[in-house]
Amino acid sequence: MRISVIVPVYNEAEIIRPFIAGLMKTAAGYDHEVIVVDGAPGGGTLKRVEEPEVIKIAALRGRGNQMNEGRRRQREKSFFSFTPIRPFLTTRFPPSRTHWRRRNSSGGRSN
């Protein structure tokens, strides 16, 4: 199963590179797409995302607006959302793909 990882950001230019690098490393074992949605397009965050496979979107300010825009552009049914937080630049996916199947088939809830 392919998943979409939506990353809403706001003025995160200084930390986006290590965050995306960690996310891409963690997601390497999964069939995925990454969507970065910037609520402050003038802040330079999207310009600092260097990975060509990452989908970059400018949106209106506000986490809800950003998530809605990311959901509109996602190509996959299932999605994950990560927010880069300065002290916590690590990302972790669930330990197995079985988690995704259970989560998707149970209406969004994992057992």
PDB file of N, CA and C in Angstrom:
ATOM      1  N   MET A   1       0.841  -1.180   0.000  1.00  0.00           N
ATOM      2  CA  MET A   1       0.000   0.000   0.000  1.00  0.00           C
ATOM      3  C   MET A   1       0.887   1.244   0.000  1.00  0.00           C
ATOM      4  N   ARG A   2       0.535   2.211  -0.793  1.00  0.00           N
ATOM      5  CA  ARG A   2       1.266   3.468  -0.873  1.00  0.00           C
ATOM      6  C   ARG A   2       0.612   4.469   0.084  1.00  0.00           C
ATOM      7  N   ILE A   3       1.440   5.286   0.728  1.00  0.00           N
ATOM      8  CA  ILE A   3       0.932   6.285   1.666  1.00  0.00           C
ATOM      9  C   ILE A   3       1.434   7.668   1.283  1.00  0.00           C
ATOM     10  N   SER A   4       0.706   8.679   1.724  1.00  0.00           N
ATOM     11  CA  SER A   4       1.114  10.070   1.567  1.00  0.00           C
ATOM     12  C   SER A   4       1.545  10.579   2.930  1.00  0.00           C
ATOM     13  N   VAL A   5       2.666  11.271   2.971  1.00  0.00           N
ATOM     14  CA  VAL A   5       3.140  11.895   4.201  1.00  0.00           C
ATOM     15  C   VAL A   5       3.010  13.399   3.998  1.00  0.00           C
ATOM     16  N   ILE A   6       2.117  14.028   4.746  1.00  0.00           N
ATOM     17  CA  ILE A   6       1.874  15.460   4.624  1.00  0.00           C
ATOM     18  C   ILE A   6       2.616  16.170   5.753  1.00  0.00           C
ATOM     19  N   VAL A   7       3.430  17.157   5.373  1.00  0.00           N
ATOM     20  CA  VAL A   7       4.239  17.894   6.342  1.00  0.00           C
ATOM     21  C   VAL A   7       3.838  19.370   6.277  1.00  0.00           C
ATOM     22  N   PRO A   8       2.957  19.833   7.189  1.00  0.00           N
ATOM     23  CA  PRO A   8       2.622  21.257   7.211  1.00  0.00           C
ATOM     24  C   PRO A   8       3.755  22.031   7.894  1.00  0.00           C
ATOM     25  N   VAL A   9       4.206  23.122   7.267  1.00  0.00           N
ATOM     26  CA  VAL A   9       5.309  23.913   7.825  1.00  0.00           C
ATOM     27  C   VAL A   9       4.941  25.390   7.828  1.00  0.00           C
ATOM     28  N   TYR A  10       5.606  26.132   8.711  1.00  0.00           N
ATOM     29  CA  TYR A  10       5.442  27.587   8.780  1.00  0.00           C
ATOM     30  C   TYR A  10       6.764  28.163   9.266  1.00  0.00           C
ATOM     31  N   ASN A  11       7.460  28.845   8.389  1.00  0.00           N
ATOM     32  CA  ASN A  11       8.769  29.438   8.707  1.00  0.00           C
ATOM     33  C   ASN A  11       9.737  28.415   9.313  1.00  0.00           C
ATOM     34  N   GLU A  12       9.900  27.295   8.646  1.00  0.00           N
ATOM     35  CA  GLU A  12      10.776  26.216   9.116  1.00  0.00           C
ATOM     36  C   GLU A  12      12.036  26.074   8.247  1.00  0.00           C
ATOM     37  N   ALA A  13      12.443  27.139   7.572  1.00  0.00           N
ATOM     38  CA  ALA A  13      13.568  27.067   6.632  1.00  0.00           C
ATOM     39  C   ALA A  13      14.839  26.530   7.281  1.00  0.00           C
ATOM     40  N   GLU A  14      15.101  26.899   8.512  1.00  0.00           N
ATOM     41  CA  GLU A  14      16.358  26.479   9.145  1.00  0.00           C
ATOM     42  C   GLU A  14      16.398  25.008   9.550  1.00  0.00           C
ATOM     43  N   ILE A  15      15.243  24.366   9.682  1.00  0.00           N
ATOM     44  CA  ILE A  15      15.260  22.956  10.103  1.00  0.00           C
ATOM     45  C   ILE A  15      14.682  21.985   9.081  1.00  0.00           C
ATOM     46  N   ILE A  16      14.176  22.504   7.960  1.00  0.00           N
ATOM     47  CA  ILE A  16      13.488  21.616   7.017  1.00  0.00           C
ATOM     48  C   ILE A  16      14.426  20.595   6.382  1.00  0.00           C
ATOM     49  N   ARG A  17      15.651  20.971   6.069  1.00  0.00           N
ATOM     50  CA  ARG A  17      16.561  20.014   5.423  1.00  0.00           C
ATOM     51  C   ARG A  17      16.842  18.791   6.287  1.00  0.00           C
ATOM     52  N   PRO A  18      17.271  18.962   7.547  1.00  0.00           N
ATOM     53  CA  PRO A  18      17.499  17.752   8.354  1.00  0.00           C
ATOM     54  C   PRO A  18      16.221  16.965   8.622  1.00  0.00           C
ATOM     55  N   PHE A  19      15.099  17.670   8.726  1.00  0.00           N
ATOM     56  CA  PHE A  19      13.837  16.975   8.943  1.00  0.00           C
ATOM     57  C   PHE A  19      13.482  16.098   7.742  1.00  0.00           C
ATOM     58  N   ILE A  20      13.548  16.670   6.540  1.00  0.00           N
ATOM     59  CA  ILE A  20      13.218  15.909   5.333  1.00  0.00           C
ATOM     60  C   ILE A  20      14.211  14.771   5.132  1.00  0.00           C
ATOM     61  N   ALA A  21      15.497  15.016   5.399  1.00  0.00           N
ATOM     62  CA  ALA A  21      16.498  13.945   5.265  1.00  0.00           C
ATOM     63  C   ALA A  21      16.157  12.779   6.187  1.00  0.00           C
ATOM     64  N   GLY A  22      15.786  13.068   7.431  1.00  0.00           N
ATOM     65  CA  GLY A  22      15.395  12.019   8.380  1.00  0.00           C
ATOM     66  C   GLY A  22      14.126  11.314   7.958  1.00  0.00           C
ATOM     67  N   LEU A  23      13.171  12.082   7.460  1.00  0.00           N
ATOM     68  CA  LEU A  23      11.907  11.508   6.995  1.00  0.00           C
ATOM     69  C   LEU A  23      12.141  10.569   5.814  1.00  0.00           C
ATOM     70  N   MET A  24      12.959  10.997   4.862  1.00  0.00           N
ATOM     71  CA  MET A  24      13.231  10.169   3.685  1.00  0.00           C
ATOM     72  C   MET A  24      13.979   8.891   4.080  1.00  0.00           C
ATOM     73  N   LYS A  25      14.870   8.993   5.026  1.00  0.00           N
ATOM     74  CA  LYS A  25      15.597   7.808   5.500  1.00  0.00           C
ATOM     75  C   LYS A  25      14.636   6.836   6.182  1.00  0.00           C
ATOM     76  N   THR A  26      13.764   7.350   7.016  1.00  0.00           N
ATOM     77  CA  THR A  26      12.794   6.512   7.725  1.00  0.00           C
ATOM     78  C   THR A  26      11.793   5.878   6.760  1.00  0.00           C
ATOM     79  N   ALA A  27      11.379   6.632   5.763  1.00  0.00           N
ATOM     80  CA  ALA A  27      10.352   6.160   4.833  1.00  0.00           C
ATOM     81  C   ALA A  27      10.910   5.282   3.716  1.00  0.00           C
ATOM     82  N   ALA A  28      12.209   5.075   3.682  1.00  0.00           N
ATOM     83  CA  ALA A  28      12.843   4.349   2.582  1.00  0.00           C
ATOM     84  C   ALA A  28      12.253   2.953   2.377  1.00  0.00           C
ATOM     85  N   GLY A  29      11.790   2.298   3.403  1.00  0.00           N
ATOM     86  CA  GLY A  29      11.229   0.963   3.272  1.00  0.00           C
ATOM     87  C   GLY A  29       9.757   0.927   2.919  1.00  0.00           C
ATOM     88  N   TYR A  30       9.155   2.084   2.718  1.00  0.00           N
ATOM     89  CA  TYR A  30       7.725   2.179   2.435  1.00  0.00           C
ATOM     90  C   TYR A  30       7.508   2.783   1.049  1.00  0.00           C
ATOM     91  N   ASP A  31       6.427   2.429   0.424  1.00  0.00           N
ATOM     92  CA  ASP A  31       6.033   3.049  -0.835  1.00  0.00           C
ATOM     93  C   ASP A  31       5.289   4.321  -0.437  1.00  0.00           C
ATOM     94  N   HIS A  32       5.852   5.478  -0.710  1.00  0.00           N
ATOM     95  CA  HIS A  32       5.308   6.720  -0.166  1.00  0.00           C
ATOM     96  C   HIS A  32       5.499   7.902  -1.104  1.00  0.00           C
ATOM     97  N   GLU A  33       4.784   8.963  -0.778  1.00  0.00           N
ATOM     98  CA  GLU A  33       5.011  10.274  -1.364  1.00  0.00           C
ATOM     99  C   GLU A  33       5.071  11.257  -0.200  1.00  0.00           C
ATOM    100  N   VAL A  34       5.874  12.308  -0.334  1.00  0.00           N
ATOM    101  CA  VAL A  34       6.006  13.332   0.703  1.00  0.00           C
ATOM    102  C   VAL A  34       5.507  14.647   0.127  1.00  0.00           C
ATOM    103  N   ILE A  35       4.629  15.303   0.893  1.00  0.00           N
ATOM    104  CA  ILE A  35       4.053  16.581   0.486  1.00  0.00           C
ATOM    105  C   ILE A  35       4.358  17.599   1.580  1.00  0.00           C
ATOM    106  N   VAL A  36       5.122  18.633   1.250  1.00  0.00           N
ATOM    107  CA  VAL A  36       5.412  19.717   2.190  1.00  0.00           C
ATOM    108  C   VAL A  36       4.499  20.884   1.828  1.00  0.00           C
ATOM    109  N   VAL A  37       3.697  21.322   2.812  1.00  0.00           N
ATOM    110  CA  VAL A  37       2.729  22.403   2.583  1.00  0.00           C
ATOM    111  C   VAL A  37       3.104  23.584   3.468  1.00  0.00           C
ATOM    112  N   ASP A  38       3.494  24.699   2.836  1.00  0.00           N
ATOM    113  CA  ASP A  38       4.002  25.865   3.558  1.00  0.00           C
ATOM    114  C   ASP A  38       2.920  26.917   3.747  1.00  0.00           C
ATOM    115  N   GLY A  39       2.671  27.285   5.004  1.00  0.00           N
ATOM    116  CA  GLY A  39       1.705  28.318   5.341  1.00  0.00           C
ATOM    117  C   GLY A  39       2.298  29.717   5.309  1.00  0.00           C
ATOM    118  N   ALA A  40       3.589  29.830   5.033  1.00  0.00           N
ATOM    119  CA  ALA A  40       4.273  31.127   4.897  1.00  0.00           C
ATOM    120  C   ALA A  40       5.201  31.040   3.693  1.00  0.00           C
ATOM    121  N   PRO A  41       4.631  31.012   2.491  1.00  0.00           N
ATOM    122  CA  PRO A  41       5.446  30.787   1.300  1.00  0.00           C
ATOM    123  C   PRO A  41       6.580  31.790   1.110  1.00  0.00           C
ATOM    124  N   GLY A  42       6.469  32.970   1.662  1.00  0.00           N
ATOM    125  CA  GLY A  42       7.537  33.968   1.553  1.00  0.00           C
ATOM    126  C   GLY A  42       8.694  33.717   2.507  1.00  0.00           C
ATOM    127  N   GLY A  43       8.550  32.743   3.404  1.00  0.00           N
ATOM    128  CA  GLY A  43       9.567  32.479   4.419  1.00  0.00           C
ATOM    129  C   GLY A  43      10.757  31.666   3.949  1.00  0.00           C
ATOM    130  N   GLY A  44      10.694  31.107   2.756  1.00  0.00           N
ATOM    131  CA  GLY A  44      11.840  30.391   2.201  1.00  0.00           C
ATOM    132  C   GLY A  44      11.926  28.912   2.504  1.00  0.00           C
ATOM    133  N   THR A  45      10.966  28.356   3.211  1.00  0.00           N
ATOM    134  CA  THR A  45      11.037  26.934   3.558  1.00  0.00           C
ATOM    135  C   THR A  45      11.011  26.051   2.317  1.00  0.00           C
ATOM    136  N   LEU A  46      10.101  26.304   1.396  1.00  0.00           N
ATOM    137  CA  LEU A  46       9.984  25.452   0.202  1.00  0.00           C
ATOM    138  C   LEU A  46      11.246  25.506  -0.653  1.00  0.00           C
ATOM    139  N   LYS A  47      11.909  26.656  -0.701  1.00  0.00           N
ATOM    140  CA  LYS A  47      13.142  26.784  -1.489  1.00  0.00           C
ATOM    141  C   LYS A  47      14.259  25.904  -0.940  1.00  0.00           C
ATOM    142  N   ARG A  48      14.211  25.597   0.337  1.00  0.00           N
ATOM    143  CA  ARG A  48      15.272  24.803   0.969  1.00  0.00           C
ATOM    144  C   ARG A  48      15.055  23.292   0.837  1.00  0.00           C
ATOM    145  N   VAL A  49      13.888  22.891   0.380  1.00  0.00           N
ATOM    146  CA  VAL A  49      13.630  21.468   0.149  1.00  0.00           C
ATOM    147  C   VAL A  49      14.279  21.111  -1.182  1.00  0.00           C
ATOM    148  N   GLU A  50      15.313  20.271  -1.129  1.00  0.00           N
ATOM    149  CA  GLU A  50      16.104  19.966  -2.320  1.00  0.00           C
ATOM    150  C   GLU A  50      15.714  18.664  -3.008  1.00  0.00           C
ATOM    151  N   GLU A  51      15.022  17.775  -2.326  1.00  0.00           N
ATOM    152  CA  GLU A  51      14.669  16.478  -2.888  1.00  0.00           C
ATOM    153  C   GLU A  51      13.629  16.658  -4.000  1.00  0.00           C
ATOM    154  N   PRO A  52      13.954  16.249  -5.231  1.00  0.00           N
ATOM    155  CA  PRO A  52      13.031  16.470  -6.347  1.00  0.00           C
ATOM    156  C   PRO A  52      11.729  15.679  -6.241  1.00  0.00           C
ATOM    157  N   GLU A  53      11.749  14.583  -5.484  1.00  0.00           N
ATOM    158  CA  GLU A  53      10.530  13.776  -5.373  1.00  0.00           C
ATOM    159  C   GLU A  53       9.528  14.344  -4.370  1.00  0.00           C
ATOM    160  N   VAL A  54       9.926  15.327  -3.579  1.00  0.00           N
ATOM    161  CA  VAL A  54       9.029  15.933  -2.600  1.00  0.00           C
ATOM    162  C   VAL A  54       8.124  16.938  -3.309  1.00  0.00           C
ATOM    163  N   ILE A  55       6.826  16.807  -3.069  1.00  0.00           N
ATOM    164  CA  ILE A  55       5.843  17.730  -3.633  1.00  0.00           C
ATOM    165  C   ILE A  55       5.797  18.958  -2.726  1.00  0.00           C
ATOM    166  N   LYS A  56       5.980  20.139  -3.297  1.00  0.00           N
ATOM    167  CA  LYS A  56       6.014  21.381  -2.527  1.00  0.00           C
ATOM    168  C   LYS A  56       4.804  22.235  -2.885  1.00  0.00           C
ATOM    169  N   ILE A  57       4.068  22.652  -1.847  1.00  0.00           N
ATOM    170  CA  ILE A  57       2.830  23.404  -2.056  1.00  0.00           C
ATOM    171  C   ILE A  57       2.816  24.631  -1.145  1.00  0.00           C
ATOM    172  N   ALA A  58       2.423  25.771  -1.696  1.00  0.00           N
ATOM    173  CA  ALA A  58       2.170  26.964  -0.896  1.00  0.00           C
ATOM    174  C   ALA A  58       0.677  26.992  -0.579  1.00  0.00           C
ATOM    175  N   ALA A  59       0.342  27.349   0.662  1.00  0.00           N
ATOM    176  CA  ALA A  59      -1.062  27.369   1.084  1.00  0.00           C
ATOM    177  C   ALA A  59      -1.311  28.582   1.970  1.00  0.00           C
ATOM    178  N   LEU A  60      -2.572  28.821   2.267  1.00  0.00           N
ATOM    179  CA  LEU A  60      -2.923  29.870   3.211  1.00  0.00           C
ATOM    180  C   LEU A  60      -2.425  29.484   4.600  1.00  0.00           C
ATOM    181  N   ARG A  61      -2.146  30.471   5.409  1.00  0.00           N
ATOM    182  CA  ARG A  61      -1.678  30.241   6.774  1.00  0.00           C
ATOM    183  C   ARG A  61      -2.740  29.503   7.580  1.00  0.00           C
ATOM    184  N   GLY A  62      -2.264  28.616   8.450  1.00  0.00           N
ATOM    185  CA  GLY A  62      -3.158  27.860   9.327  1.00  0.00           C
ATOM    186  C   GLY A  62      -3.048  26.373   9.058  1.00  0.00           C
ATOM    187  N   ARG A  63      -2.853  25.617  10.115  1.00  0.00           N
ATOM    188  CA  ARG A  63      -2.637  24.171   9.996  1.00  0.00           C
ATOM    189  C   ARG A  63      -3.779  23.489   9.249  1.00  0.00           C
ATOM    190  N   GLY A  64      -5.012  23.879   9.512  1.00  0.00           N
ATOM    191  CA  GLY A  64      -6.157  23.280   8.825  1.00  0.00           C
ATOM    192  C   GLY A  64      -6.115  23.540   7.333  1.00  0.00           C
ATOM    193  N   ASN A  65      -5.818  24.786   6.943  1.00  0.00           N
ATOM    194  CA  ASN A  65      -5.702  25.116   5.520  1.00  0.00           C
ATOM    195  C   ASN A  65      -4.601  24.293   4.863  1.00  0.00           C
ATOM    196  N   GLN A  66      -3.481  24.164   5.555  1.00  0.00           N
ATOM    197  CA  GLN A  66      -2.343  23.419   5.006  1.00  0.00           C
ATOM    198  C   GLN A  66      -2.692  21.936   4.846  1.00  0.00           C
ATOM    199  N   MET A  67      -3.303  21.350   5.854  1.00  0.00           N
ATOM    200  CA  MET A  67      -3.671  19.930   5.775  1.00  0.00           C
ATOM    201  C   MET A  67      -4.706  19.705   4.676  1.00  0.00           C
ATOM    202  N   ASN A  68      -5.682  20.610   4.567  1.00  0.00           N
ATOM    203  CA  ASN A  68      -6.690  20.469   3.513  1.00  0.00           C
ATOM    204  C   ASN A  68      -6.050  20.547   2.135  1.00  0.00           C
ATOM    205  N   GLU A  69      -5.117  21.461   1.952  1.00  0.00           N
ATOM    206  CA  GLU A  69      -4.437  21.586   0.656  1.00  0.00           C
ATOM    207  C   GLU A  69      -3.594  20.341   0.373  1.00  0.00           C
ATOM    208  N   GLY A  70      -2.911  19.841   1.380  1.00  0.00           N
ATOM    209  CA  GLY A  70      -2.144  18.607   1.210  1.00  0.00           C
ATOM    210  C   GLY A  70      -3.036  17.430   0.852  1.00  0.00           C
ATOM    211  N   ARG A  71      -4.168  17.324   1.510  1.00  0.00           N
ATOM    212  CA  ARG A  71      -5.119  16.231   1.217  1.00  0.00           C
ATOM    213  C   ARG A  71      -5.677  16.353  -0.196  1.00  0.00           C
ATOM    214  N   ARG A  72      -5.923  17.590  -0.655  1.00  0.00           N
ATOM    215  CA  ARG A  72      -6.415  17.782  -2.026  1.00  0.00           C
ATOM    216  C   ARG A  72      -5.397  17.311  -3.060  1.00  0.00           C
ATOM    217  N   ARG A  73      -4.115  17.488  -2.765  1.00  0.00           N
ATOM    218  CA  ARG A  73      -3.066  17.159  -3.728  1.00  0.00           C
ATOM    219  C   ARG A  73      -2.524  15.742  -3.591  1.00  0.00           C
ATOM    220  N   GLN A  74      -2.845  15.060  -2.496  1.00  0.00           N
ATOM    221  CA  GLN A  74      -2.298  13.713  -2.309  1.00  0.00           C
ATOM    222  C   GLN A  74      -2.868  12.760  -3.336  1.00  0.00           C
ATOM    223  N   ARG A  75      -2.066  11.773  -3.705  1.00  0.00           N
ATOM    224  CA  ARG A  75      -2.490  10.795  -4.700  1.00  0.00           C
ATOM    225  C   ARG A  75      -2.921   9.486  -4.058  1.00  0.00           C
ATOM    226  N   GLU A  76      -2.680   9.317  -2.788  1.00  0.00           N
ATOM    227  CA  GLU A  76      -2.918   8.049  -2.112  1.00  0.00           C
ATOM    228  C   GLU A  76      -4.084   8.164  -1.141  1.00  0.00           C
ATOM    229  N   LYS A  77      -4.677   7.011  -0.790  1.00  0.00           N
ATOM    230  CA  LYS A  77      -5.802   6.977   0.143  1.00  0.00           C
ATOM    231  C   LYS A  77      -5.369   7.237   1.584  1.00  0.00           C
ATOM    232  N   SER A  78      -4.305   6.589   1.991  1.00  0.00           N
ATOM    233  CA  SER A  78      -3.851   6.699   3.372  1.00  0.00           C
ATOM    234  C   SER A  78      -2.840   7.826   3.497  1.00  0.00           C
ATOM    235  N   PHE A  79      -2.872   8.519   4.638  1.00  0.00           N
ATOM    236  CA  PHE A  79      -1.890   9.570   4.838  1.00  0.00           C
ATOM    237  C   PHE A  79      -1.448   9.631   6.282  1.00  0.00           C
ATOM    238  N   PHE A  80      -0.320  10.267   6.457  1.00  0.00           N
ATOM    239  CA  PHE A  80       0.332  10.494   7.726  1.00  0.00           C
ATOM    240  C   PHE A  80       0.650  11.972   7.773  1.00  0.00           C
ATOM    241  N   SER A  81       0.695  12.577   8.926  1.00  0.00           N
ATOM    242  CA  SER A  81       1.108  13.970   9.030  1.00  0.00           C
ATOM    243  C   SER A  81       2.226  14.089  10.065  1.00  0.00           C
ATOM    244  N   PHE A  82       3.284  14.773   9.693  1.00  0.00           N
ATOM    245  CA  PHE A  82       4.390  15.062  10.606  1.00  0.00           C
ATOM    246  C   PHE A  82       4.609  16.556  10.629  1.00  0.00           C
ATOM    247  N   THR A  83       4.863  17.112  11.790  1.00  0.00           N
ATOM    248  CA  THR A  83       5.208  18.518  11.909  1.00  0.00           C
ATOM    249  C   THR A  83       6.625  18.605  12.441  1.00  0.00           C
ATOM    250  N   PRO A  84       7.519  19.303  11.728  1.00  0.00           N
ATOM    251  CA  PRO A  84       8.874  19.444  12.247  1.00  0.00           C
ATOM    252  C   PRO A  84       8.871  20.303  13.501  1.00  0.00           C
ATOM    253  N   ILE A  85       9.395  19.777  14.578  1.00  0.00           N
ATOM    254  CA  ILE A  85       9.499  20.517  15.838  1.00  0.00           C
ATOM    255  C   ILE A  85      10.981  20.617  16.163  1.00  0.00           C
ATOM    256  N   ARG A  86      11.453  21.785  16.450  1.00  0.00           N
ATOM    257  CA  ARG A  86      12.885  22.034  16.594  1.00  0.00           C
ATOM    258  C   ARG A  86      13.644  21.026  17.453  1.00  0.00           C
ATOM    259  N   PRO A  87      13.234  20.740  18.673  1.00  0.00           N
ATOM    260  CA  PRO A  87      14.044  19.798  19.459  1.00  0.00           C
ATOM    261  C   PRO A  87      13.896  18.344  19.016  1.00  0.00           C
ATOM    262  N   PHE A  88      12.877  18.045  18.242  1.00  0.00           N
ATOM    263  CA  PHE A  88      12.601  16.657  17.885  1.00  0.00           C
ATOM    264  C   PHE A  88      12.632  16.477  16.374  1.00  0.00           C
ATOM    265  N   LEU A  89      13.811  16.353  15.812  1.00  0.00           N
ATOM    266  CA  LEU A  89      13.934  16.233  14.361  1.00  0.00           C
ATOM    267  C   LEU A  89      13.953  14.791  13.902  1.00  0.00           C
ATOM    268  N   THR A  90      13.503  13.884  14.747  1.00  0.00           N
ATOM    269  CA  THR A  90      13.446  12.486  14.328  1.00  0.00           C
ATOM    270  C   THR A  90      12.022  12.159  13.912  1.00  0.00           C
ATOM    271  N   THR A  91      11.911  11.225  13.019  1.00  0.00           N
ATOM    272  CA  THR A  91      10.598  10.762  12.586  1.00  0.00           C
ATOM    273  C   THR A  91      10.601   9.251  12.634  1.00  0.00           C
ATOM    274  N   ARG A  92       9.485   8.673  12.986  1.00  0.00           N
ATOM    275  CA  ARG A  92       9.372   7.216  13.032  1.00  0.00           C
ATOM    276  C   ARG A  92       8.063   6.782  12.424  1.00  0.00           C
ATOM    277  N   PHE A  93       8.135   5.791  11.581  1.00  0.00           N
ATOM    278  CA  PHE A  93       6.950   5.172  11.025  1.00  0.00           C
ATOM    279  C   PHE A  93       6.614   3.972  11.898  1.00  0.00           C
ATOM    280  N   PRO A  94       5.406   3.470  11.811  1.00  0.00           N
ATOM    281  CA  PRO A  94       5.070   2.249  12.551  1.00  0.00           C
ATOM    282  C   PRO A  94       6.018   1.119  12.152  1.00  0.00           C
ATOM    283  N   PRO A  95       6.246   0.164  13.031  1.00  0.00           N
ATOM    284  CA  PRO A  95       7.258  -0.860  12.801  1.00  0.00           C
ATOM    285  C   PRO A  95       6.983  -1.817  11.654  1.00  0.00           C
ATOM    286  N   SER A  96       5.740  -1.952  11.218  1.00  0.00           N
ATOM    287  CA  SER A  96       5.477  -2.908  10.143  1.00  0.00           C
ATOM    288  C   SER A  96       4.403  -2.399   9.206  1.00  0.00           C
ATOM    289  N   ARG A  97       4.385  -2.947   8.026  1.00  0.00           N
ATOM    290  CA  ARG A  97       3.354  -2.581   7.056  1.00  0.00           C
ATOM    291  C   ARG A  97       1.991  -3.114   7.472  1.00  0.00           C
ATOM    292  N   THR A  98       1.967  -4.131   8.317  1.00  0.00           N
ATOM    293  CA  THR A  98       0.702  -4.681   8.809  1.00  0.00           C
ATOM    294  C   THR A  98      -0.102  -3.591   9.500  1.00  0.00           C
ATOM    295  N   HIS A  99       0.593  -2.694  10.217  1.00  0.00           N
ATOM    296  CA  HIS A  99      -0.065  -1.581  10.895  1.00  0.00           C
ATOM    297  C   HIS A  99      -0.891  -0.773   9.893  1.00  0.00           C
ATOM    298  N   TRP A 100      -0.329  -0.503   8.716  1.00  0.00           N
ATOM    299  CA  TRP A 100      -1.028   0.299   7.712  1.00  0.00           C
ATOM    300  C   TRP A 100      -2.268  -0.422   7.217  1.00  0.00           C
ATOM    301  N   ARG A 101      -2.164  -1.718   6.988  1.00  0.00           N
ATOM    302  CA  ARG A 101      -3.332  -2.458   6.502  1.00  0.00           C
ATOM    303  C   ARG A 101      -4.441  -2.424   7.549  1.00  0.00           C
ATOM    304  N   ARG A 102      -4.078  -2.660   8.813  1.00  0.00           N
ATOM    305  CA  ARG A 102      -5.090  -2.630   9.876  1.00  0.00           C
ATOM    306  C   ARG A 102      -5.695  -1.237   9.976  1.00  0.00           C
ATOM    307  N   ARG A 103      -4.866  -0.212   9.946  1.00  0.00           N
ATOM    308  CA  ARG A 103      -5.339   1.154  10.101  1.00  0.00           C
ATOM    309  C   ARG A 103      -6.270   1.530   8.947  1.00  0.00           C
ATOM    310  N   ASN A 104      -5.903   1.179   7.749  1.00  0.00           N
ATOM    311  CA  ASN A 104      -6.702   1.542   6.587  1.00  0.00           C
ATOM    312  C   ASN A 104      -8.010   0.758   6.553  1.00  0.00           C
ATOM    313  N   SER A 105      -7.984  -0.506   6.893  1.00  0.00           N
ATOM    314  CA  SER A 105      -9.189  -1.333   6.793  1.00  0.00           C
ATOM    315  C   SER A 105     -10.142  -1.146   7.968  1.00  0.00           C
ATOM    316  N   SER A 106      -9.680  -0.528   9.054  1.00  0.00           N
ATOM    317  CA  SER A 106     -10.548  -0.366  10.218  1.00  0.00           C
ATOM    318  C   SER A 106     -11.079   1.062  10.347  1.00  0.00           C
ATOM    319  N   GLY A 107     -11.099   1.780   9.227  1.00  0.00           N
ATOM    320  CA  GLY A 107     -11.669   3.122   9.265  1.00  0.00           C
ATOM    321  C   GLY A 107     -10.779   4.127   9.956  1.00  0.00           C
ATOM    322  N   GLY A 108      -9.468   3.939   9.895  1.00  0.00           N
ATOM    323  CA  GLY A 108      -8.554   4.932  10.453  1.00  0.00           C
ATOM    324  C   GLY A 108      -8.070   4.611  11.855  1.00  0.00           C
ATOM    325  N   ARG A 109      -8.484   3.503  12.407  1.00  0.00           N
ATOM    326  CA  ARG A 109      -8.045   3.161  13.758  1.00  0.00           C
ATOM    327  C   ARG A 109      -7.202   1.897  13.741  1.00  0.00           C
ATOM    328  N   SER A 110      -6.162   1.926  14.550  1.00  0.00           N
ATOM    329  CA  SER A 110      -5.289   0.750  14.661  1.00  0.00           C
ATOM    330  C   SER A 110      -5.637  -0.001  15.925  1.00  0.00           C
ATOM    331  N   ASN A 111      -5.577  -1.324  15.866  1.00  0.00           N
ATOM    332  CA  ASN A 111      -5.886  -2.125  17.060  1.00  0.00           C
ATOM    333  C   ASN A 111      -4.730  -2.154  18.012  1.00  0.00           C
TER     334      ASN A 111
END
